[in-house]
Protein backbone atom coordinates (compact mmCIF):
# COMPACT_ATOMS: atom_id res chain seq x y z
CA MET A 1 -10.34 -3.60 -17.79
CA ALA A 2 -6.73 -4.70 -17.30
CA LEU A 3 -5.57 -1.10 -16.98
CA ALA A 4 -8.21 -0.39 -14.33
CA LEU A 5 -7.12 -3.47 -12.40
CA ALA A 6 -3.48 -2.42 -12.63
CA LYS A 7 -4.36 1.05 -11.32
CA ARG A 8 -6.26 -0.45 -8.39
CA PHE A 9 -3.36 -2.75 -7.56
CA ALA A 10 -0.85 0.11 -7.76
CA THR A 11 -3.01 2.19 -5.45
CA ALA A 12 -3.22 -0.68 -2.96
CA VAL A 13 0.56 -1.13 -3.06
CA LEU A 14 1.05 2.56 -2.37
CA LEU A 15 -1.46 2.67 0.48
CA ILE A 16 -0.13 -0.45 2.18
CA GLY A 17 3.48 0.53 1.67
CA VAL A 18 3.17 3.98 3.20
CA ALA A 19 0.75 3.05 5.96
CA PRO A 20 1.92 4.42 9.28
CA ALA A 21 4.10 2.03 11.23
CA HIS A 22 1.60 1.81 14.10
CA ILE A 23 -0.81 0.01 11.77
CA TRP A 24 1.74 -2.80 11.53
CA GLY A 25 1.98 -2.90 15.32
CA GLU A 26 5.48 -1.47 15.48
CA THR A 27 7.02 1.95 15.59
CA ALA A 28 9.38 3.23 12.94
CA SER A 29 11.77 6.10 13.07
CA GLN A 30 11.17 9.09 10.84
CA SER A 31 14.28 8.21 8.85
CA THR A 32 12.88 4.78 8.02
CA ASP A 33 9.66 6.38 6.81
CA GLU A 34 11.75 8.71 4.68
CA LEU A 35 13.61 5.73 3.22
CA ILE A 36 10.28 4.16 2.32
CA ALA A 37 9.03 7.34 0.66
CA ALA A 38 12.28 7.68 -1.32
CA GLY A 39 12.14 4.01 -2.32
CA ILE A 40 8.57 4.34 -3.57
CA GLU A 41 9.50 7.43 -5.57
CA ARG A 42 12.46 5.63 -7.14
CA GLY A 43 10.29 2.58 -7.77
CA TYR A 44 7.77 4.65 -9.72
CA ASN A 45 10.65 5.65 -12.00
CA PHE A 46 11.78 1.99 -12.26
CA ASP A 47 15.09 2.95 -10.67
CA ARG A 48 16.60 -0.27 -9.36
CA SER A 49 18.29 1.61 -6.51
CA ALA A 50 14.88 1.49 -4.80
CA PHE A 51 15.70 -2.10 -3.83
CA GLU A 52 18.74 -0.92 -1.87
CA LEU A 53 16.50 1.40 0.14
CA PHE A 54 13.99 -1.39 0.81
CA ASP A 55 16.87 -3.66 1.88
CA GLU A 56 17.86 -1.00 4.42
CA VAL A 57 14.27 -0.84 5.69
CA ILE A 58 14.34 -4.64 6.08
CA ARG A 59 17.68 -4.45 7.90
CA ARG A 60 16.34 -1.83 10.31
CA GLU A 61 12.99 -3.51 10.92
CA PRO A 62 13.25 -7.23 10.11
CA GLN A 63 9.96 -8.02 11.90
CA ASN A 64 7.99 -5.34 10.02
CA PRO A 65 6.50 -6.53 6.70
CA ARG A 66 6.67 -3.13 4.98
CA GLY A 67 10.18 -3.52 3.55
CA TYR A 68 9.55 -7.05 2.33
CA PHE A 69 6.22 -6.06 0.80
CA LEU A 70 7.62 -3.06 -1.06
CA LYS A 71 10.61 -5.02 -2.34
CA ALA A 72 8.34 -7.81 -3.60
CA ALA A 73 6.00 -5.30 -5.24
CA GLY A 74 9.00 -3.72 -6.95
CA PHE A 75 10.12 -7.09 -8.28
CA PHE A 76 6.60 -7.74 -9.55
CA TRP A 77 6.22 -4.41 -11.36
CA TYR A 78 9.73 -4.42 -12.80
CA SER A 79 9.34 -7.90 -14.26
CA LEU A 80 5.83 -7.10 -15.51
CA VAL A 81 6.94 -3.94 -17.32
CA ASN A 82 10.25 -5.42 -18.55
CA PRO A 83 9.46 -9.05 -19.48
CA ALA A 84 12.26 -9.24 -22.05
CA ASP A 85 14.87 -7.86 -19.66
CA ALA A 86 17.09 -10.77 -18.74
CA SER A 87 18.12 -9.02 -15.52
CA ALA A 88 14.49 -9.07 -14.33
CA SER A 89 14.73 -12.83 -13.89
CA THR A 90 17.93 -12.51 -11.85
CA MET A 91 16.74 -9.76 -9.52
CA THR A 92 16.28 -12.18 -6.64
CA ASP A 93 19.77 -13.62 -7.11
CA GLU A 94 21.87 -12.08 -4.33
CA THR A 95 25.02 -12.41 -6.46
CA ALA A 96 23.60 -10.40 -9.37
CA PRO A 97 25.25 -7.01 -9.93
């Protein structure tokens, strides 16, 4: 049951995160969409560099919720999969390495 729910949530995150920019009411450049795709791929591998890509998406499109959503989803999944990792609790600290 929990695994099925996790799969549904992951699918929703993917679908919302890669939804075309016009759904959000804004246009995005192809390079921003490529950043999002690369960030999602890195996120699936729990590569923390995905957050740098999502930060760039946020910098380019601060009014578009996609970057914020994907970064928050990454925080959620990383802390869920790595509950004992002390760095998971400091991921939102801007001064953390």
